[in-house]
Amino acid sequence: MAEKSITNPLWAGRKWFDGKDEKGILTKLEQVWAIGGSDIEAYSYAEITDQSYYRYLRAFPKIREKRDQLKQKPILAARMTIVNNLQIDPDVAKWYLERKRKDEFSTKTEVEVNEGKGKKDRENIKKIIGILTGGFKYDFKSKGEDIRGEVVGNEASSGEIID
């Protein structure tokens, strides 16, 4: 027989989680969600089946919303740590800008060329890039009709072609 709980105020139907304490399971789930844990980690820690877990989330959308909110906590905490350390550590500031403003501060350079499918055209592109970048080594990767290049190091050679 079902018992009265937050999600079952009328004591109707089958017990959730095969009779295990619903509040205890919710507490365990929330602990895992709050540290950014996956669904698998959450239901494993709460010692319930994946079927029970997903059935419960389908039945209670507010709990699903709470899960989504709690999973954002570690990301926000990490973001706050980064922002708080921007003035303390210049390397953190540089790292942050490299990711947030890639066009201005990225240490990687991507080159897309829509023409030049042949080996001779690639060699010419490599020479041009080598001149423009002061001898940086580029690797080229062919993806369909595009040729993409990426800086892989500062070396005197102009790089090699990767097909």
N, C-alpha and C. Protein backbone atom coordinates (compact mmCIF):
# COMPACT_ATOMS: atom_id res chain seq x y z
N MET A 1 0.83 -1.18 0.00
CA MET A 1 0.00 0.00 0.00
C MET A 1 0.88 1.24 0.00
N ALA A 2 0.50 2.25 -0.79
CA ALA A 2 1.25 3.49 -0.88
C ALA A 2 1.09 4.29 0.40
N GLU A 3 2.05 5.18 0.64
CA GLU A 3 1.95 6.02 1.82
C GLU A 3 1.90 7.48 1.41
N LYS A 4 1.44 8.32 2.29
CA LYS A 4 1.30 9.74 2.03
C LYS A 4 2.68 10.38 1.95
N SER A 5 2.90 11.18 0.92
CA SER A 5 4.19 11.86 0.75
C SER A 5 3.98 13.16 0.00
N ILE A 6 5.06 13.86 -0.26
CA ILE A 6 5.01 15.13 -0.99
C ILE A 6 4.35 14.93 -2.35
N THR A 7 4.73 13.88 -3.03
CA THR A 7 4.25 13.64 -4.38
C THR A 7 3.00 12.78 -4.43
N ASN A 8 2.56 12.26 -3.28
CA ASN A 8 1.38 11.41 -3.23
C ASN A 8 0.55 11.75 -1.99
N PRO A 9 -0.08 12.94 -1.98
CA PRO A 9 -0.79 13.37 -0.78
C PRO A 9 -2.04 12.54 -0.47
N LEU A 10 -2.55 11.80 -1.44
CA LEU A 10 -3.78 11.03 -1.23
C LEU A 10 -3.51 9.56 -0.90
N TRP A 11 -2.28 9.16 -0.76
CA TRP A 11 -1.87 7.79 -0.45
C TRP A 11 -2.32 6.80 -1.53
N ALA A 12 -2.40 7.23 -2.74
CA ALA A 12 -2.93 6.38 -3.81
C ALA A 12 -1.81 5.72 -4.60
N GLY A 13 -2.07 4.53 -5.13
CA GLY A 13 -1.19 3.86 -6.08
C GLY A 13 0.00 3.16 -5.47
N ARG A 14 0.85 2.68 -6.37
CA ARG A 14 2.05 1.92 -6.00
C ARG A 14 3.10 2.87 -5.41
N LYS A 15 3.89 2.38 -4.49
CA LYS A 15 4.96 3.18 -3.89
C LYS A 15 6.04 3.44 -4.92
N TRP A 16 6.62 4.63 -4.86
CA TRP A 16 7.75 4.95 -5.71
C TRP A 16 8.97 4.22 -5.18
N PHE A 17 9.86 3.84 -6.04
CA PHE A 17 11.15 3.26 -5.69
C PHE A 17 11.03 2.00 -4.84
N ASP A 18 10.03 1.20 -5.14
CA ASP A 18 9.83 -0.10 -4.47
C ASP A 18 9.80 0.02 -2.95
N GLY A 19 9.16 1.04 -2.46
CA GLY A 19 8.96 1.20 -1.03
C GLY A 19 10.07 1.88 -0.27
N LYS A 20 11.14 2.26 -0.97
CA LYS A 20 12.22 2.98 -0.31
C LYS A 20 11.74 4.38 0.07
N ASP A 21 12.41 4.99 1.04
CA ASP A 21 12.04 6.32 1.52
C ASP A 21 12.21 7.36 0.40
N GLU A 22 11.08 7.92 -0.04
CA GLU A 22 11.10 8.87 -1.16
C GLU A 22 11.90 10.13 -0.82
N LYS A 23 11.73 10.65 0.39
CA LYS A 23 12.47 11.86 0.79
C LYS A 23 13.97 11.59 0.82
N GLY A 24 14.36 10.44 1.30
CA GLY A 24 15.78 10.08 1.35
C GLY A 24 16.37 9.95 -0.05
N ILE A 25 15.61 9.36 -0.95
CA ILE A 25 16.07 9.22 -2.33
C ILE A 25 16.19 10.59 -2.99
N LEU A 26 15.19 11.45 -2.79
CA LEU A 26 15.25 12.79 -3.35
C LEU A 26 16.45 13.56 -2.82
N THR A 27 16.75 13.41 -1.55
CA THR A 27 17.91 14.06 -0.96
C THR A 27 19.19 13.60 -1.64
N LYS A 28 19.33 12.30 -1.84
CA LYS A 28 20.52 11.76 -2.51
C LYS A 28 20.61 12.25 -3.95
N LEU A 29 19.48 12.25 -4.65
CA LEU A 29 19.48 12.74 -6.04
C LEU A 29 19.92 14.20 -6.08
N GLU A 30 19.38 15.02 -5.19
CA GLU A 30 19.72 16.44 -5.16
C GLU A 30 21.19 16.66 -4.84
N GLN A 31 21.76 15.82 -3.98
CA GLN A 31 23.19 15.94 -3.66
C GLN A 31 24.04 15.72 -4.90
N VAL A 32 23.70 14.73 -5.69
CA VAL A 32 24.47 14.44 -6.91
C VAL A 32 24.25 15.54 -7.95
N TRP A 33 23.00 15.96 -8.12
CA TRP A 33 22.72 17.03 -9.09
C TRP A 33 23.45 18.30 -8.73
N ALA A 34 23.57 18.62 -7.44
CA ALA A 34 24.20 19.87 -7.00
C ALA A 34 25.70 19.90 -7.27
N ILE A 35 26.31 18.73 -7.46
CA ILE A 35 27.74 18.71 -7.81
C ILE A 35 27.93 18.45 -9.30
N GLY A 36 26.85 18.55 -10.07
CA GLY A 36 26.93 18.39 -11.52
C GLY A 36 26.99 16.96 -11.99
N GLY A 37 26.58 16.03 -11.15
CA GLY A 37 26.63 14.61 -11.51
C GLY A 37 25.65 14.26 -12.62
N SER A 38 25.96 13.19 -13.32
CA SER A 38 25.10 12.73 -14.41
C SER A 38 23.89 12.01 -13.85
N ASP A 39 22.94 11.72 -14.71
CA ASP A 39 21.76 10.97 -14.30
C ASP A 39 22.15 9.57 -13.80
N ILE A 40 23.09 8.94 -14.49
CA ILE A 40 23.53 7.61 -14.08
C ILE A 40 24.13 7.66 -12.67
N GLU A 41 24.94 8.66 -12.41
CA GLU A 41 25.54 8.81 -11.08
C GLU A 41 24.45 9.05 -10.03
N ALA A 42 23.45 9.85 -10.39
CA ALA A 42 22.39 10.18 -9.45
C ALA A 42 21.59 8.94 -9.06
N TYR A 43 21.09 8.19 -10.03
CA TYR A 43 20.27 7.04 -9.65
C TYR A 43 21.10 5.90 -9.08
N SER A 44 22.37 5.84 -9.43
CA SER A 44 23.23 4.83 -8.81
C SER A 44 23.47 5.16 -7.34
N TYR A 45 23.75 6.42 -7.06
CA TYR A 45 23.99 6.85 -5.68
C TYR A 45 22.73 6.67 -4.83
N ALA A 46 21.57 6.95 -5.42
CA ALA A 46 20.30 6.81 -4.69
C ALA A 46 19.85 5.35 -4.61
N GLU A 47 20.56 4.47 -5.29
CA GLU A 47 20.28 3.04 -5.31
C GLU A 47 18.86 2.73 -5.81
N ILE A 48 18.54 3.33 -6.96
CA ILE A 48 17.26 3.05 -7.62
C ILE A 48 17.56 2.67 -9.06
N THR A 49 16.58 2.10 -9.73
CA THR A 49 16.78 1.70 -11.12
C THR A 49 16.63 2.90 -12.04
N ASP A 50 17.21 2.77 -13.21
CA ASP A 50 17.07 3.84 -14.20
C ASP A 50 15.61 4.01 -14.63
N GLN A 51 14.86 2.90 -14.71
CA GLN A 51 13.45 2.99 -15.08
C GLN A 51 12.67 3.79 -14.03
N SER A 52 12.90 3.53 -12.75
CA SER A 52 12.22 4.28 -11.69
C SER A 52 12.59 5.75 -11.75
N TYR A 53 13.86 5.99 -11.96
CA TYR A 53 14.36 7.37 -12.02
C TYR A 53 13.67 8.16 -13.12
N TYR A 54 13.68 7.65 -14.34
CA TYR A 54 13.09 8.38 -15.47
C TYR A 54 11.57 8.44 -15.38
N ARG A 55 10.95 7.40 -14.85
CA ARG A 55 9.50 7.42 -14.64
C ARG A 55 9.13 8.52 -13.65
N TYR A 56 9.91 8.64 -12.61
CA TYR A 56 9.68 9.66 -11.58
C TYR A 56 9.83 11.07 -12.17
N LEU A 57 10.88 11.28 -12.96
CA LEU A 57 11.09 12.59 -13.58
C LEU A 57 9.98 12.94 -14.58
N ARG A 58 9.48 11.94 -15.30
CA ARG A 58 8.37 12.19 -16.23
C ARG A 58 7.11 12.56 -15.45
N ALA A 59 6.90 11.93 -14.31
CA ALA A 59 5.69 12.17 -13.53
C ALA A 59 5.74 13.51 -12.78
N PHE A 60 6.93 14.01 -12.50
CA PHE A 60 7.06 15.24 -11.71
C PHE A 60 7.98 16.24 -12.41
N PRO A 61 7.42 17.02 -13.32
CA PRO A 61 8.23 17.98 -14.08
C PRO A 61 8.94 19.01 -13.20
N LYS A 62 8.37 19.37 -12.06
CA LYS A 62 9.02 20.35 -11.19
C LYS A 62 10.33 19.80 -10.63
N ILE A 63 10.38 18.52 -10.37
CA ILE A 63 11.61 17.90 -9.90
C ILE A 63 12.64 17.86 -11.03
N ARG A 64 12.17 17.61 -12.24
CA ARG A 64 13.05 17.64 -13.41
C ARG A 64 13.64 19.04 -13.59
N GLU A 65 12.82 20.08 -13.39
CA GLU A 65 13.32 21.46 -13.48
C GLU A 65 14.35 21.73 -12.38
N LYS A 66 14.08 21.24 -11.18
CA LYS A 66 15.01 21.41 -10.06
C LYS A 66 16.34 20.73 -10.38
N ARG A 67 16.26 19.54 -10.99
CA ARG A 67 17.48 18.83 -11.40
C ARG A 67 18.30 19.69 -12.35
N ASP A 68 17.64 20.25 -13.35
CA ASP A 68 18.34 21.07 -14.33
C ASP A 68 18.98 22.30 -13.69
N GLN A 69 18.30 22.90 -12.74
CA GLN A 69 18.84 24.07 -12.04
C GLN A 69 20.03 23.67 -11.17
N LEU A 70 19.90 22.59 -10.43
CA LEU A 70 20.99 22.17 -9.55
C LEU A 70 22.24 21.78 -10.33
N LYS A 71 22.06 21.21 -11.51
CA LYS A 71 23.21 20.81 -12.32
C LYS A 71 24.02 22.02 -12.80
N GLN A 72 23.43 23.21 -12.77
CA GLN A 72 24.14 24.42 -13.19
C GLN A 72 25.01 25.02 -12.07
N LYS A 73 24.79 24.61 -10.83
CA LYS A 73 25.53 25.17 -9.70
C LYS A 73 27.05 25.08 -9.84
N PRO A 74 27.62 23.93 -10.17
CA PRO A 74 29.09 23.87 -10.28
C PRO A 74 29.63 24.75 -11.39
N ILE A 75 28.89 24.87 -12.46
CA ILE A 75 29.33 25.71 -13.57
C ILE A 75 29.36 27.17 -13.14
N LEU A 76 28.32 27.59 -12.44
CA LEU A 76 28.29 28.96 -11.94
C LEU A 76 29.38 29.20 -10.91
N ALA A 77 29.63 28.25 -10.04
CA ALA A 77 30.69 28.38 -9.04
C ALA A 77 32.06 28.51 -9.71
N ALA A 78 32.30 27.70 -10.74
CA ALA A 78 33.56 27.77 -11.48
C ALA A 78 33.70 29.12 -12.18
N ARG A 79 32.61 29.58 -12.76
CA ARG A 79 32.64 30.89 -13.44
C ARG A 79 32.95 32.00 -12.44
N MET A 80 32.33 31.94 -11.25
CA MET A 80 32.58 32.96 -10.22
C MET A 80 34.04 32.91 -9.76
N THR A 81 34.59 31.73 -9.62
CA THR A 81 36.00 31.58 -9.22
C THR A 81 36.92 32.21 -10.26
N ILE A 82 36.64 31.95 -11.51
CA ILE A 82 37.45 32.53 -12.59
C ILE A 82 37.38 34.05 -12.54
N VAL A 83 36.17 34.58 -12.47
CA VAL A 83 35.99 36.04 -12.47
C VAL A 83 36.65 36.65 -11.24
N ASN A 84 36.54 36.01 -10.09
CA ASN A 84 37.15 36.54 -8.87
C ASN A 84 38.67 36.51 -8.92
N ASN A 85 39.24 35.63 -9.73
CA ASN A 85 40.70 35.51 -9.82
C ASN A 85 41.30 36.27 -11.00
N LEU A 86 40.49 37.00 -11.74
CA LEU A 86 41.01 37.71 -12.91
C LEU A 86 42.08 38.73 -12.53
N GLN A 87 41.89 39.45 -11.45
CA GLN A 87 42.86 40.46 -11.05
C GLN A 87 44.02 39.87 -10.26
N ILE A 88 43.82 38.74 -9.66
CA ILE A 88 44.86 38.11 -8.84
C ILE A 88 45.90 37.43 -9.72
N ASP A 89 45.44 36.72 -10.72
CA ASP A 89 46.34 35.92 -11.56
C ASP A 89 46.16 36.29 -13.02
N PRO A 90 47.16 36.94 -13.63
CA PRO A 90 47.05 37.33 -15.04
C PRO A 90 46.86 36.15 -15.99
N ASP A 91 47.38 34.97 -15.62
CA ASP A 91 47.20 33.80 -16.48
C ASP A 91 45.74 33.39 -16.56
N VAL A 92 45.00 33.57 -15.46
CA VAL A 92 43.56 33.27 -15.46
C VAL A 92 42.85 34.24 -16.40
N ALA A 93 43.23 35.50 -16.34
CA ALA A 93 42.62 36.51 -17.21
C ALA A 93 42.89 36.18 -18.68
N LYS A 94 44.13 35.81 -18.98
CA LYS A 94 44.49 35.45 -20.35
C LYS A 94 43.71 34.23 -20.82
N TRP A 95 43.65 33.20 -19.96
CA TRP A 95 42.91 31.98 -20.29
C TRP A 95 41.44 32.29 -20.56
N TYR A 96 40.86 33.13 -19.71
CA TYR A 96 39.44 33.49 -19.85
C TYR A 96 39.20 34.21 -21.18
N LEU A 97 40.05 35.17 -21.50
CA LEU A 97 39.87 35.91 -22.75
C LEU A 97 40.09 35.02 -23.98
N GLU A 98 41.01 34.09 -23.89
CA GLU A 98 41.24 33.17 -25.02
C GLU A 98 40.00 32.36 -25.34
N ARG A 99 39.17 32.09 -24.34
CA ARG A 99 37.96 31.30 -24.56
C ARG A 99 36.73 32.15 -24.84
N LYS A 100 36.67 33.32 -24.24
CA LYS A 100 35.48 34.17 -24.40
C LYS A 100 35.56 35.09 -25.61
N ARG A 101 36.74 35.51 -25.97
CA ARG A 101 36.92 36.41 -27.11
C ARG A 101 37.96 35.82 -28.06
N LYS A 102 37.58 34.69 -28.65
CA LYS A 102 38.51 33.94 -29.49
C LYS A 102 39.05 34.76 -30.65
N ASP A 103 38.19 35.61 -31.23
CA ASP A 103 38.64 36.39 -32.38
C ASP A 103 39.81 37.31 -32.03
N GLU A 104 39.82 37.83 -30.82
CA GLU A 104 40.86 38.77 -30.42
C GLU A 104 42.04 38.11 -29.72
N PHE A 105 41.79 37.11 -28.87
CA PHE A 105 42.81 36.64 -27.96
C PHE A 105 43.22 35.17 -28.13
N SER A 106 42.62 34.43 -29.03
CA SER A 106 42.92 33.01 -29.17
C SER A 106 44.36 32.79 -29.61
N THR A 107 44.97 31.72 -29.09
CA THR A 107 46.33 31.38 -29.50
C THR A 107 46.33 30.47 -30.72
N LYS A 108 45.16 30.01 -31.13
CA LYS A 108 45.03 29.18 -32.32
C LYS A 108 44.52 30.04 -33.47
N THR A 109 44.92 29.68 -34.66
CA THR A 109 44.43 30.34 -35.86
C THR A 109 43.85 29.28 -36.77
N GLU A 110 42.62 29.48 -37.20
CA GLU A 110 42.01 28.56 -38.14
C GLU A 110 41.95 29.22 -39.50
N VAL A 111 42.24 28.44 -40.52
CA VAL A 111 42.20 28.94 -41.88
C VAL A 111 41.27 28.02 -42.66
N GLU A 112 40.29 28.61 -43.33
CA GLU A 112 39.40 27.84 -44.19
C GLU A 112 39.59 28.30 -45.62
N VAL A 113 39.77 27.34 -46.50
CA VAL A 113 39.93 27.63 -47.91
C VAL A 113 38.94 26.76 -48.66
N ASN A 114 38.09 27.36 -49.47
CA ASN A 114 37.08 26.60 -50.19
C ASN A 114 37.60 26.07 -51.52
N GLU A 115 38.73 26.57 -51.96
CA GLU A 115 39.29 26.10 -53.22
C GLU A 115 40.65 25.47 -52.94
N GLY A 116 41.20 24.84 -53.92
CA GLY A 116 42.52 24.26 -53.76
C GLY A 116 42.48 22.85 -53.22
N LYS A 117 41.83 21.96 -53.95
CA LYS A 117 41.69 20.59 -53.48
C LYS A 117 42.95 19.76 -53.71
N GLY A 118 43.77 20.18 -54.65
CA GLY A 118 44.93 19.38 -55.01
C GLY A 118 46.13 19.62 -54.13
N LYS A 119 47.11 18.71 -54.23
CA LYS A 119 48.31 18.79 -53.41
C LYS A 119 49.12 20.04 -53.73
N LYS A 120 49.19 20.42 -54.99
CA LYS A 120 49.96 21.61 -55.38
C LYS A 120 49.34 22.86 -54.77
N ASP A 121 48.00 22.96 -54.79
CA ASP A 121 47.34 24.10 -54.18
C ASP A 121 47.58 24.15 -52.68
N ARG A 122 47.59 23.02 -52.03
CA ARG A 122 47.86 22.98 -50.59
C ARG A 122 49.27 23.46 -50.29
N GLU A 123 50.23 23.05 -51.11
CA GLU A 123 51.61 23.49 -50.91
C GLU A 123 51.71 25.01 -51.04
N ASN A 124 51.02 25.58 -52.01
CA ASN A 124 51.04 27.03 -52.17
C ASN A 124 50.40 27.73 -50.97
N ILE A 125 49.32 27.18 -50.49
CA ILE A 125 48.65 27.76 -49.32
C ILE A 125 49.59 27.70 -48.12
N LYS A 126 50.28 26.56 -47.94
CA LYS A 126 51.21 26.42 -46.83
C LYS A 126 52.32 27.47 -46.90
N LYS A 127 52.84 27.70 -48.09
CA LYS A 127 53.91 28.69 -48.26
C LYS A 127 53.42 30.09 -47.89
N ILE A 128 52.23 30.43 -48.35
CA ILE A 128 51.65 31.75 -48.06
C ILE A 128 51.45 31.92 -46.56
N ILE A 129 50.89 30.91 -45.93
CA ILE A 129 50.66 30.98 -44.49
C ILE A 129 51.97 31.06 -43.74
N GLY A 130 52.98 30.31 -44.17
CA GLY A 130 54.29 30.37 -43.53
C GLY A 130 54.88 31.76 -43.60
N ILE A 131 54.72 32.43 -44.74
CA ILE A 131 55.23 33.79 -44.89
C ILE A 131 54.46 34.75 -43.99
N LEU A 132 53.13 34.62 -43.98
CA LEU A 132 52.29 35.53 -43.19
C LEU A 132 52.47 35.35 -41.69
N THR A 133 52.77 34.16 -41.24
CA THR A 133 52.85 33.89 -39.80
C THR A 133 54.27 33.83 -39.28
N GLY A 134 55.24 34.11 -40.10
CA GLY A 134 56.62 34.10 -39.64
C GLY A 134 57.15 32.72 -39.33
N GLY A 135 56.76 31.72 -40.09
CA GLY A 135 57.30 30.38 -39.94
C GLY A 135 56.54 29.46 -39.02
N PHE A 136 55.30 29.80 -38.67
CA PHE A 136 54.51 28.87 -37.86
C PHE A 136 54.19 27.65 -38.69
N LYS A 137 54.19 26.51 -38.04
CA LYS A 137 53.89 25.24 -38.72
C LYS A 137 52.37 25.07 -38.78
N TYR A 138 51.86 24.66 -39.91
CA TYR A 138 50.43 24.42 -40.09
C TYR A 138 50.21 22.99 -40.51
N ASP A 139 49.15 22.39 -39.99
CA ASP A 139 48.69 21.09 -40.46
C ASP A 139 47.39 21.31 -41.19
N PHE A 140 47.24 20.66 -42.33
CA PHE A 140 46.03 20.80 -43.12
C PHE A 140 45.23 19.53 -43.04
N LYS A 141 43.94 19.69 -42.85
CA LYS A 141 43.04 18.55 -42.80
C LYS A 141 41.96 18.77 -43.85
N SER A 142 41.79 17.83 -44.71
CA SER A 142 40.80 17.95 -45.76
C SER A 142 39.45 17.46 -45.25
N LYS A 143 38.43 18.31 -45.35
CA LYS A 143 37.07 17.93 -44.95
C LYS A 143 36.15 18.24 -46.13
N GLY A 144 35.94 17.25 -46.95
CA GLY A 144 35.10 17.47 -48.12
C GLY A 144 35.79 18.43 -49.06
N GLU A 145 35.13 19.54 -49.36
CA GLU A 145 35.70 20.52 -50.26
C GLU A 145 36.57 21.55 -49.54
N ASP A 146 36.47 21.62 -48.21
CA ASP A 146 37.22 22.61 -47.45
C ASP A 146 38.57 22.04 -47.03
N ILE A 147 39.53 22.91 -46.92
CA ILE A 147 40.83 22.57 -46.35
C ILE A 147 40.97 23.44 -45.12
N ARG A 148 41.20 22.84 -43.98
CA ARG A 148 41.34 23.60 -42.75
C ARG A 148 42.78 23.49 -42.27
N GLY A 149 43.31 24.61 -41.79
CA GLY A 149 44.66 24.62 -41.27
C GLY A 149 44.66 25.06 -39.82
N GLU A 150 45.63 24.59 -39.08
CA GLU A 150 45.71 24.93 -37.66
C GLU A 150 47.17 25.10 -37.28
N VAL A 151 47.49 26.15 -36.53
CA VAL A 151 48.84 26.36 -36.06
C VAL A 151 49.16 25.27 -35.06
N VAL A 152 50.29 24.59 -35.25
CA VAL A 152 50.68 23.54 -34.31
C VAL A 152 52.01 23.82 -33.65
N GLY A 153 52.67 24.89 -34.00
CA GLY A 153 53.93 25.22 -33.35
C GLY A 153 54.75 26.17 -34.17
N ASN A 154 55.73 26.80 -33.54
CA ASN A 154 56.59 27.74 -34.23
C ASN A 154 57.85 27.00 -34.66
N GLU A 155 57.87 26.57 -35.89
CA GLU A 155 59.02 25.84 -36.41
C GLU A 155 59.40 26.44 -37.75
N ALA A 156 60.63 26.22 -38.14
CA ALA A 156 61.12 26.78 -39.40
C ALA A 156 60.47 26.13 -40.61
N SER A 157 60.12 24.86 -40.50
CA SER A 157 59.52 24.17 -41.65
C SER A 157 58.08 24.64 -41.84
N SER A 158 57.55 24.41 -43.00
CA SER A 158 56.20 24.88 -43.29
C SER A 158 55.14 23.85 -42.98
N GLY A 159 55.51 22.72 -42.43
CA GLY A 159 54.51 21.73 -42.03
C GLY A 159 54.34 20.63 -43.05
N GLU A 160 53.48 19.72 -42.74
CA GLU A 160 53.22 18.63 -43.66
C GLU A 160 51.72 18.52 -43.91
N ILE A 161 51.37 17.90 -44.98
CA ILE A 161 49.95 17.78 -45.34
C ILE A 161 49.41 16.51 -44.74
N ILE A 162 48.26 16.63 -44.13
CA ILE A 162 47.58 15.45 -43.58
C ILE A 162 46.33 15.22 -44.42
N ASP A 163 46.23 14.08 -45.04
CA ASP A 163 45.05 13.76 -45.86
C ASP A 163 44.10 12.92 -45.10
